[in-house]
Amino acid sequence: SVEVTIAEQNVPITIQLQQSAEQLRGTIQGSFGSAEIADGRINPDDTFRFSASVTTQGLTREAVFEGTITGNRMAGTVTVTGMGALPFSGTKP
């Protein structure tokens, strides 16, 4: 369960991740619909990066998530083409 801050509003999304060694796979789901995670990697220092295609304002755009996992918490930024970098944070249920 993650919230992305867009224009001072928290927008909830769900990220489901599966880790195999340093590779991350899974899906993200929210008001933009559902998307498969691509190019997902987690590093030994618990930083991660993955991308997904999302639909916002009627356009499909690439969203690149980068951040850190600490215990059950995840935080970082998502950079959406045409929208810039947006902060997100959340916890594992």
PDB file of N, CA and C in Angstrom:
ATOM      1  N   SER A   1       0.855  -1.180   0.000  1.00  0.00           N
ATOM      2  CA  SER A   1       0.000   0.000   0.000  1.00  0.00           C
ATOM      3  C   SER A   1       0.891   1.229   0.000  1.00  0.00           C
ATOM      4  N   VAL A   2       0.789   2.021  -1.054  1.00  0.00           N
ATOM      5  CA  VAL A   2       1.654   3.182  -1.247  1.00  0.00           C
ATOM      6  C   VAL A   2       0.788   4.394  -1.575  1.00  0.00           C
ATOM      7  N   GLU A   3       1.238   5.555  -1.165  1.00  0.00           N
ATOM      8  CA  GLU A   3       0.582   6.806  -1.553  1.00  0.00           C
ATOM      9  C   GLU A   3       1.581   7.673  -2.304  1.00  0.00           C
ATOM     10  N   VAL A   4       1.149   8.149  -3.475  1.00  0.00           N
ATOM     11  CA  VAL A   4       1.943   9.074  -4.276  1.00  0.00           C
ATOM     12  C   VAL A   4       1.355  10.458  -4.065  1.00  0.00           C
ATOM     13  N   THR A   5       2.202  11.439  -3.784  1.00  0.00           N
ATOM     14  CA  THR A   5       1.733  12.808  -3.577  1.00  0.00           C
ATOM     15  C   THR A   5       1.735  13.548  -4.911  1.00  0.00           C
ATOM     16  N   ILE A   6       0.526  13.912  -5.357  1.00  0.00           N
ATOM     17  CA  ILE A   6       0.343  14.642  -6.613  1.00  0.00           C
ATOM     18  C   ILE A   6      -0.436  15.904  -6.296  1.00  0.00           C
ATOM     19  N   ALA A   7       0.150  17.061  -6.573  1.00  0.00           N
ATOM     20  CA  ALA A   7      -0.503  18.352  -6.319  1.00  0.00           C
ATOM     21  C   ALA A   7      -1.059  18.415  -4.899  1.00  0.00           C
ATOM     22  N   GLU A   8      -0.237  18.051  -3.935  1.00  0.00           N
ATOM     23  CA  GLU A   8      -0.566  18.090  -2.506  1.00  0.00           C
ATOM     24  C   GLU A   8      -1.706  17.149  -2.111  1.00  0.00           C
ATOM     25  N   GLN A   9      -2.014  16.167  -2.958  1.00  0.00           N
ATOM     26  CA  GLN A   9      -3.009  15.148  -2.633  1.00  0.00           C
ATOM     27  C   GLN A   9      -2.324  13.790  -2.625  1.00  0.00           C
ATOM     28  N   ASN A  10      -2.703  12.936  -1.663  1.00  0.00           N
ATOM     29  CA  ASN A  10      -2.166  11.583  -1.601  1.00  0.00           C
ATOM     30  C   ASN A  10      -3.045  10.651  -2.411  1.00  0.00           C
ATOM     31  N   VAL A  11      -2.456  10.016  -3.416  1.00  0.00           N
ATOM     32  CA  VAL A  11      -3.171   9.104  -4.302  1.00  0.00           C
ATOM     33  C   VAL A  11      -2.731   7.681  -3.972  1.00  0.00           C
ATOM     34  N   PRO A  12      -3.661   6.810  -3.536  1.00  0.00           N
ATOM     35  CA  PRO A  12      -3.275   5.449  -3.160  1.00  0.00           C
ATOM     36  C   PRO A  12      -3.049   4.557  -4.376  1.00  0.00           C
ATOM     37  N   ILE A  13      -2.006   3.732  -4.296  1.00  0.00           N
ATOM     38  CA  ILE A  13      -1.776   2.683  -5.284  1.00  0.00           C
ATOM     39  C   ILE A  13      -1.326   1.428  -4.537  1.00  0.00           C
ATOM     40  N   THR A  14      -1.463   0.311  -5.197  1.00  0.00           N
ATOM     41  CA  THR A  14      -1.009  -0.962  -4.646  1.00  0.00           C
ATOM     42  C   THR A  14       0.109  -1.478  -5.526  1.00  0.00           C
ATOM     43  N   ILE A  15       1.217  -1.825  -4.903  1.00  0.00           N
ATOM     44  CA  ILE A  15       2.348  -2.403  -5.618  1.00  0.00           C
ATOM     45  C   ILE A  15       2.537  -3.821  -5.101  1.00  0.00           C
ATOM     46  N   GLN A  16       2.510  -4.785  -6.001  1.00  0.00           N
ATOM     47  CA  GLN A  16       2.784  -6.169  -5.632  1.00  0.00           C
ATOM     48  C   GLN A  16       4.110  -6.560  -6.270  1.00  0.00           C
ATOM     49  N   LEU A  17       5.079  -6.922  -5.432  1.00  0.00           N
ATOM     50  CA  LEU A  17       6.417  -7.255  -5.907  1.00  0.00           C
ATOM     51  C   LEU A  17       6.776  -8.693  -5.578  1.00  0.00           C
ATOM     52  N   GLN A  18       7.493  -9.320  -6.492  1.00  0.00           N
ATOM     53  CA  GLN A  18       8.124 -10.600  -6.237  1.00  0.00           C
ATOM     54  C   GLN A  18       9.604 -10.416  -6.545  1.00  0.00           C
ATOM     55  N   GLN A  19      10.440 -10.902  -5.626  1.00  0.00           N
ATOM     56  CA  GLN A  19      11.873 -10.758  -5.785  1.00  0.00           C
ATOM     57  C   GLN A  19      12.498 -12.115  -6.074  1.00  0.00           C
ATOM     58  N   SER A  20      13.370 -12.168  -7.072  1.00  0.00           N
ATOM     59  CA  SER A  20      14.164 -13.346  -7.388  1.00  0.00           C
ATOM     60  C   SER A  20      15.593 -12.852  -7.566  1.00  0.00           C
ATOM     61  N   ALA A  21      16.438 -13.122  -6.555  1.00  0.00           N
ATOM     62  CA  ALA A  21      17.799 -12.551  -6.493  1.00  0.00           C
ATOM     63  C   ALA A  21      17.652 -11.034  -6.549  1.00  0.00           C
ATOM     64  N   GLU A  22      18.273 -10.360  -7.524  1.00  0.00           N
ATOM     65  CA  GLU A  22      18.143  -8.896  -7.582  1.00  0.00           C
ATOM     66  C   GLU A  22      17.050  -8.426  -8.533  1.00  0.00           C
ATOM     67  N   GLN A  23      16.316  -9.352  -9.138  1.00  0.00           N
ATOM     68  CA  GLN A  23      15.256  -8.986 -10.068  1.00  0.00           C
ATOM     69  C   GLN A  23      13.922  -8.806  -9.337  1.00  0.00           C
ATOM     70  N   LEU A  24      13.194  -7.735  -9.710  1.00  0.00           N
ATOM     71  CA  LEU A  24      11.853  -7.483  -9.187  1.00  0.00           C
ATOM     72  C   LEU A  24      10.842  -7.630 -10.319  1.00  0.00           C
ATOM     73  N   ARG A  25       9.736  -8.305 -10.027  1.00  0.00           N
ATOM     74  CA  ARG A  25       8.615  -8.429 -10.957  1.00  0.00           C
ATOM     75  C   ARG A  25       7.348  -8.128 -10.187  1.00  0.00           C
ATOM     76  N   GLY A  26       6.266  -7.876 -10.909  1.00  0.00           N
ATOM     77  CA  GLY A  26       4.996  -7.665 -10.243  1.00  0.00           C
ATOM     78  C   GLY A  26       4.095  -6.720 -10.995  1.00  0.00           C
ATOM     79  N   THR A  27       3.168  -6.093 -10.246  1.00  0.00           N
ATOM     80  CA  THR A  27       2.188  -5.193 -10.840  1.00  0.00           C
ATOM     81  C   THR A  27       1.987  -3.971  -9.940  1.00  0.00           C
ATOM     82  N   ILE A  28       1.485  -2.912 -10.545  1.00  0.00           N
ATOM     83  CA  ILE A  28       1.002  -1.761  -9.786  1.00  0.00           C
ATOM     84  C   ILE A  28      -0.445  -1.541 -10.204  1.00  0.00           C
ATOM     85  N   GLN A  29      -1.252  -1.035  -9.268  1.00  0.00           N
ATOM     86  CA  GLN A  29      -2.670  -0.832  -9.546  1.00  0.00           C
ATOM     87  C   GLN A  29      -3.139   0.413  -8.813  1.00  0.00           C
ATOM     88  N   GLY A  30      -3.946   1.211  -9.495  1.00  0.00           N
ATOM     89  CA  GLY A  30      -4.487   2.429  -8.887  1.00  0.00           C
ATOM     90  C   GLY A  30      -5.521   3.048  -9.794  1.00  0.00           C
ATOM     91  N   SER A  31      -5.746   4.330  -9.624  1.00  0.00           N
ATOM     92  CA  SER A  31      -6.760   5.025 -10.413  1.00  0.00           C
ATOM     93  C   SER A  31      -6.431   5.046 -11.898  1.00  0.00           C
ATOM     94  N   PHE A  32      -5.178   4.801 -12.260  1.00  0.00           N
ATOM     95  CA  PHE A  32      -4.729   4.770 -13.649  1.00  0.00           C
ATOM     96  C   PHE A  32      -4.927   3.390 -14.276  1.00  0.00           C
ATOM     97  N   GLY A  33      -5.414   2.429 -13.497  1.00  0.00           N
ATOM     98  CA  GLY A  33      -5.575   1.057 -13.968  1.00  0.00           C
ATOM     99  C   GLY A  33      -4.487   0.167 -13.394  1.00  0.00           C
ATOM    100  N   SER A  34      -4.185  -0.907 -14.103  1.00  0.00           N
ATOM    101  CA  SER A  34      -3.193  -1.872 -13.657  1.00  0.00           C
ATOM    102  C   SER A  34      -2.082  -1.963 -14.692  1.00  0.00           C
ATOM    103  N   ALA A  35      -0.847  -2.183 -14.236  1.00  0.00           N
ATOM    104  CA  ALA A  35       0.275  -2.277 -15.165  1.00  0.00           C
ATOM    105  C   ALA A  35       1.305  -3.265 -14.640  1.00  0.00           C
ATOM    106  N   GLU A  36       1.979  -3.935 -15.565  1.00  0.00           N
ATOM    107  CA  GLU A  36       3.070  -4.835 -15.228  1.00  0.00           C
ATOM    108  C   GLU A  36       4.341  -4.030 -14.975  1.00  0.00           C
ATOM    109  N   ILE A  37       5.115  -4.477 -14.014  1.00  0.00           N
ATOM    110  CA  ILE A  37       6.399  -3.864 -13.709  1.00  0.00           C
ATOM    111  C   ILE A  37       7.430  -4.372 -14.706  1.00  0.00           C
ATOM    112  N   ALA A  38       8.266  -3.463 -15.196  1.00  0.00           N
ATOM    113  CA  ALA A  38       9.335  -3.817 -16.132  1.00  0.00           C
ATOM    114  C   ALA A  38      10.673  -3.339 -15.569  1.00  0.00           C
ATOM    115  N   ASP A  39      11.730  -3.963 -15.992  1.00  0.00           N
ATOM    116  CA  ASP A  39      13.095  -3.550 -15.641  1.00  0.00           C
ATOM    117  C   ASP A  39      13.300  -3.389 -14.138  1.00  0.00           C
ATOM    118  N   GLY A  40      12.714  -4.258 -13.336  1.00  0.00           N
ATOM    119  CA  GLY A  40      12.803  -4.132 -11.885  1.00  0.00           C
ATOM    120  C   GLY A  40      14.075  -4.732 -11.316  1.00  0.00           C
ATOM    121  N   ARG A  41      14.753  -3.957 -10.447  1.00  0.00           N
ATOM    122  CA  ARG A  41      15.974  -4.426  -9.796  1.00  0.00           C
ATOM    123  C   ARG A  41      16.017  -3.915  -8.366  1.00  0.00           C
ATOM    124  N   ILE A  42      16.548  -4.756  -7.469  1.00  0.00           N
ATOM    125  CA  ILE A  42      16.826  -4.330  -6.102  1.00  0.00           C
ATOM    126  C   ILE A  42      18.312  -4.556  -5.862  1.00  0.00           C
ATOM    127  N   ASN A  43      18.959  -3.604  -5.222  1.00  0.00           N
ATOM    128  CA  ASN A  43      20.394  -3.640  -4.988  1.00  0.00           C
ATOM    129  C   ASN A  43      20.703  -4.127  -3.575  1.00  0.00           C
ATOM    130  N   PRO A  44      21.936  -4.539  -3.325  1.00  0.00           N
ATOM    131  CA  PRO A  44      22.310  -5.010  -1.994  1.00  0.00           C
ATOM    132  C   PRO A  44      22.074  -3.987  -0.878  1.00  0.00           C
ATOM    133  N   ASP A  45      22.062  -2.685  -1.217  1.00  0.00           N
ATOM    134  CA  ASP A  45      21.819  -1.650  -0.203  1.00  0.00           C
ATOM    135  C   ASP A  45      20.324  -1.347  -0.024  1.00  0.00           C
ATOM    136  N   ASP A  46      19.458  -2.229  -0.545  1.00  0.00           N
ATOM    137  CA  ASP A  46      17.993  -2.122  -0.454  1.00  0.00           C
ATOM    138  C   ASP A  46      17.402  -0.958  -1.232  1.00  0.00           C
ATOM    139  N   THR A  47      18.149  -0.394  -2.181  1.00  0.00           N
ATOM    140  CA  THR A  47      17.567   0.567  -3.107  1.00  0.00           C
ATOM    141  C   THR A  47      16.985  -0.223  -4.281  1.00  0.00           C
ATOM    142  N   PHE A  48      15.948   0.326  -4.909  1.00  0.00           N
ATOM    143  CA  PHE A  48      15.297  -0.376  -6.007  1.00  0.00           C
ATOM    144  C   PHE A  48      14.931   0.592  -7.108  1.00  0.00           C
ATOM    145  N   ARG A  49      14.625   0.016  -8.269  1.00  0.00           N
ATOM    146  CA  ARG A  49      14.178   0.790  -9.427  1.00  0.00           C
ATOM    147  C   ARG A  49      13.342  -0.130 -10.290  1.00  0.00           C
ATOM    148  N   PHE A  50      12.191   0.368 -10.757  1.00  0.00           N
ATOM    149  CA  PHE A  50      11.392  -0.349 -11.739  1.00  0.00           C
ATOM    150  C   PHE A  50      10.549   0.653 -12.502  1.00  0.00           C
ATOM    151  N   SER A  51      10.033   0.237 -13.636  1.00  0.00           N
ATOM    152  CA  SER A  51       9.183   1.122 -14.436  1.00  0.00           C
ATOM    153  C   SER A  51       7.874   0.409 -14.769  1.00  0.00           C
ATOM    154  N   ALA A  52       6.898   1.205 -15.163  1.00  0.00           N
ATOM    155  CA  ALA A  52       5.597   0.687 -15.582  1.00  0.00           C
ATOM    156  C   ALA A  52       4.943   1.733 -16.474  1.00  0.00           C
ATOM    157  N   SER A  53       4.101   1.300 -17.388  1.00  0.00           N
ATOM    158  CA  SER A  53       3.329   2.219 -18.219  1.00  0.00           C
ATOM    159  C   SER A  53       2.013   2.501 -17.515  1.00  0.00           C
ATOM    160  N   VAL A  54       1.717   3.784 -17.292  1.00  0.00           N
ATOM    161  CA  VAL A  54       0.480   4.174 -16.622  1.00  0.00           C
ATOM    162  C   VAL A  54      -0.306   5.129 -17.523  1.00  0.00           C
ATOM    163  N   THR A  55      -1.613   5.161 -17.330  1.00  0.00           N
ATOM    164  CA  THR A  55      -2.464   6.060 -18.110  1.00  0.00           C
ATOM    165  C   THR A  55      -2.945   7.183 -17.200  1.00  0.00           C
ATOM    166  N   THR A  56      -2.535   8.414 -17.526  1.00  0.00           N
ATOM    167  CA  THR A  56      -2.978   9.596 -16.789  1.00  0.00           C
ATOM    168  C   THR A  56      -3.437  10.638 -17.790  1.00  0.00           C
ATOM    169  N   GLN A  57      -4.504  11.305 -17.473  1.00  0.00           N
ATOM    170  CA  GLN A  57      -5.055  12.359 -18.320  1.00  0.00           C
ATOM    171  C   GLN A  57      -5.243  11.878 -19.757  1.00  0.00           C
ATOM    172  N   GLY A  58      -5.641  10.609 -19.919  1.00  0.00           N
ATOM    173  CA  GLY A  58      -5.907  10.044 -21.230  1.00  0.00           C
ATOM    174  C   GLY A  58      -4.681   9.651 -22.030  1.00  0.00           C
ATOM    175  N   LEU A  59      -3.489   9.790 -21.448  1.00  0.00           N
ATOM    176  CA  LEU A  59      -2.244   9.448 -22.147  1.00  0.00           C
ATOM    177  C   LEU A  59      -1.506   8.341 -21.412  1.00  0.00           C
ATOM    178  N   THR A  60      -0.881   7.447 -22.161  1.00  0.00           N
ATOM    179  CA  THR A  60      -0.042   6.415 -21.554  1.00  0.00           C
ATOM    180  C   THR A  60       1.368   6.979 -21.421  1.00  0.00           C
ATOM    181  N   ARG A  61       1.890   6.911 -20.192  1.00  0.00           N
ATOM    182  CA  ARG A  61       3.203   7.487 -19.892  1.00  0.00           C
ATOM    183  C   ARG A  61       4.038   6.479 -19.119  1.00  0.00           C
ATOM    184  N   GLU A  62       5.352   6.631 -19.208  1.00  0.00           N
ATOM    185  CA  GLU A  62       6.235   5.770 -18.425  1.00  0.00           C
ATOM    186  C   GLU A  62       6.410   6.367 -17.034  1.00  0.00           C
ATOM    187  N   ALA A  63       6.303   5.507 -16.030  1.00  0.00           N
ATOM    188  CA  ALA A  63       6.536   5.897 -14.638  1.00  0.00           C
ATOM    189  C   ALA A  63       7.724   5.084 -14.128  1.00  0.00           C
ATOM    190  N   VAL A  64       8.753   5.783 -13.622  1.00  0.00           N
ATOM    191  CA  VAL A  64       9.943   5.121 -13.098  1.00  0.00           C
ATOM    192  C   VAL A  64       9.976   5.329 -11.587  1.00  0.00           C
ATOM    193  N   PHE A  65       9.881   4.226 -10.852  1.00  0.00           N
ATOM    194  CA  PHE A  65       9.918   4.244  -9.394  1.00  0.00           C
ATOM    195  C   PHE A  65      11.342   3.976  -8.933  1.00  0.00           C
ATOM    196  N   GLU A  66      11.841   4.815  -8.027  1.00  0.00           N
ATOM    197  CA  GLU A  66      13.151   4.627  -7.419  1.00  0.00           C
ATOM    198  C   GLU A  66      13.021   4.911  -5.936  1.00  0.00           C
ATOM    199  N   GLY A  67      13.637   4.074  -5.113  1.00  0.00           N
ATOM    200  CA  GLY A  67      13.524   4.306  -3.684  1.00  0.00           C
ATOM    201  C   GLY A  67      14.306   3.300  -2.869  1.00  0.00           C
ATOM    202  N   THR A  68      13.911   3.216  -1.594  1.00  0.00           N
ATOM    203  CA  THR A  68      14.579   2.354  -0.627  1.00  0.00           C
ATOM    204  C   THR A  68      13.537   1.565   0.144  1.00  0.00           C
ATOM    205  N   ILE A  69      13.874   0.313   0.430  1.00  0.00           N
ATOM    206  CA  ILE A  69      13.041  -0.525   1.283  1.00  0.00           C
ATOM    207  C   ILE A  69      13.764  -0.704   2.604  1.00  0.00           C
ATOM    208  N   THR A  70      13.073  -0.381   3.709  1.00  0.00           N
ATOM    209  CA  THR A  70      13.616  -0.549   5.048  1.00  0.00           C
ATOM    210  C   THR A  70      12.577  -1.308   5.869  1.00  0.00           C
ATOM    211  N   GLY A  71      12.856  -2.572   6.166  1.00  0.00           N
ATOM    212  CA  GLY A  71      11.874  -3.381   6.886  1.00  0.00           C
ATOM    213  C   GLY A  71      10.603  -3.508   6.064  1.00  0.00           C
ATOM    214  N   ASN A  72       9.471  -3.078   6.625  1.00  0.00           N
ATOM    215  CA  ASN A  72       8.186  -3.117   5.925  1.00  0.00           C
ATOM    216  C   ASN A  72       7.834  -1.798   5.249  1.00  0.00           C
ATOM    217  N   ARG A  73       8.770  -0.838   5.216  1.00  0.00           N
ATOM    218  CA  ARG A  73       8.497   0.481   4.633  1.00  0.00           C
ATOM    219  C   ARG A  73       9.221   0.660   3.302  1.00  0.00           C
ATOM    220  N   MET A  74       8.575   1.401   2.411  1.00  0.00           N
ATOM    221  CA  MET A  74       9.121   1.728   1.102  1.00  0.00           C
ATOM    222  C   MET A  74       8.913   3.220   0.887  1.00  0.00           C
ATOM    223  N   ALA A  75       9.930   3.907   0.370  1.00  0.00           N
ATOM    224  CA  ALA A  75       9.796   5.338   0.090  1.00  0.00           C
ATOM    225  C   ALA A  75      10.720   5.714  -1.053  1.00  0.00           C
ATOM    226  N   GLY A  76      10.350   6.771  -1.780  1.00  0.00           N
ATOM    227  CA  GLY A  76      11.185   7.239  -2.874  1.00  0.00           C
ATOM    228  C   GLY A  76      10.441   8.221  -3.744  1.00  0.00           C
ATOM    229  N   THR A  77      10.809   8.227  -5.025  1.00  0.00           N
ATOM    230  CA  THR A  77      10.146   9.099  -5.992  1.00  0.00           C
ATOM    231  C   THR A  77       9.721   8.285  -7.208  1.00  0.00           C
ATOM    232  N   VAL A  78       8.647   8.729  -7.823  1.00  0.00           N
ATOM    233  CA  VAL A  78       8.223   8.170  -9.102  1.00  0.00           C
ATOM    234  C   VAL A  78       8.281   9.315 -10.099  1.00  0.00           C
ATOM    235  N   THR A  79       9.014   9.110 -11.177  1.00  0.00           N
ATOM    236  CA  THR A  79       9.139  10.112 -12.226  1.00  0.00           C
ATOM    237  C   THR A  79       8.240   9.691 -13.376  1.00  0.00           C
ATOM    238  N   VAL A  80       7.234  10.519 -13.645  1.00  0.00           N
ATOM    239  CA  VAL A  80       6.266  10.237 -14.700  1.00  0.00           C
ATOM    240  C   VAL A  80       6.531  11.195 -15.853  1.00  0.00           C
ATOM    241  N   THR A  81       6.682  10.648 -17.050  1.00  0.00           N
ATOM    242  CA  THR A  81       6.946  11.459 -18.225  1.00  0.00           C
ATOM    243  C   THR A  81       5.925  12.598 -18.315  1.00  0.00           C
ATOM    244  N   GLY A  82       6.410  13.820 -18.395  1.00  0.00           N
ATOM    245  CA  GLY A  82       5.541  14.983 -18.514  1.00  0.00           C
ATOM    246  C   GLY A  82       5.010  15.524 -17.204  1.00  0.00           C
ATOM    247  N   MET A  83       5.267  14.827 -16.080  1.00  0.00           N
ATOM    248  CA  MET A  83       4.747  15.273 -14.784  1.00  0.00           C
ATOM    249  C   MET A  83       5.863  15.519 -13.765  1.00  0.00           C
ATOM    250  N   GLY A  84       7.067  15.075 -14.043  1.00  0.00           N
ATOM    251  CA  GLY A  84       8.177  15.272 -13.125  1.00  0.00           C
ATOM    252  C   GLY A  84       8.232  14.197 -12.035  1.00  0.00           C
ATOM    253  N   ALA A  85       9.050  14.462 -11.021  1.00  0.00           N
ATOM    254  CA  ALA A  85       9.270  13.522  -9.912  1.00  0.00           C
ATOM    255  C   ALA A  85       8.260  13.779  -8.805  1.00  0.00           C
ATOM    256  N   LEU A  86       7.626  12.709  -8.338  1.00  0.00           N
ATOM    257  CA  LEU A  86       6.608  12.789  -7.294  1.00  0.00           C
ATOM    258  C   LEU A  86       6.999  11.864  -6.147  1.00  0.00           C
ATOM    259  N   PRO A  87       6.903  12.313  -4.891  1.00  0.00           N
ATOM    260  CA  PRO A  87       7.277  11.459  -3.775  1.00  0.00           C
ATOM    261  C   PRO A  87       6.206  10.395  -3.506  1.00  0.00           C
ATOM    262  N   PHE A  88       6.671   9.233  -3.018  1.00  0.00           N
ATOM    263  CA  PHE A  88       5.743   8.199  -2.584  1.00  0.00           C
ATOM    264  C   PHE A  88       6.316   7.525  -1.341  1.00  0.00           C
ATOM    265  N   SER A  89       5.411   6.925  -0.566  1.00  0.00           N
ATOM    266  CA  SER A  89       5.821   6.130   0.594  1.00  0.00           C
ATOM    267  C   SER A  89       4.679   5.188   0.937  1.00  0.00           C
ATOM    268  N   GLY A  90       5.044   4.107   1.640  1.00  0.00           N
ATOM    269  CA  GLY A  90       4.017   3.157   2.036  1.00  0.00           C
ATOM    270  C   GLY A  90       4.591   2.036   2.879  1.00  0.00           C
ATOM    271  N   THR A  91       3.712   1.109   3.222  1.00  0.00           N
ATOM    272  CA  THR A  91       4.103  -0.018   4.061  1.00  0.00           C
ATOM    273  C   THR A  91       3.575  -1.318   3.485  1.00  0.00           C
ATOM    274  N   LYS A  92       4.231  -2.394   3.847  1.00  0.00           N
ATOM    275  CA  LYS A  92       3.777  -3.734   3.482  1.00  0.00           C
ATOM    276  C   LYS A  92       2.725  -4.160   4.494  1.00  0.00           C
ATOM    277  N   PRO A  93       1.535  -4.567   4.006  1.00  0.00           N
ATOM    278  CA  PRO A  93       0.486  -4.965   4.956  1.00  0.00           C
ATOM    279  C   PRO A  93       0.847  -6.227   5.724  1.00  0.00           C
TER     280      PRO A  93
END
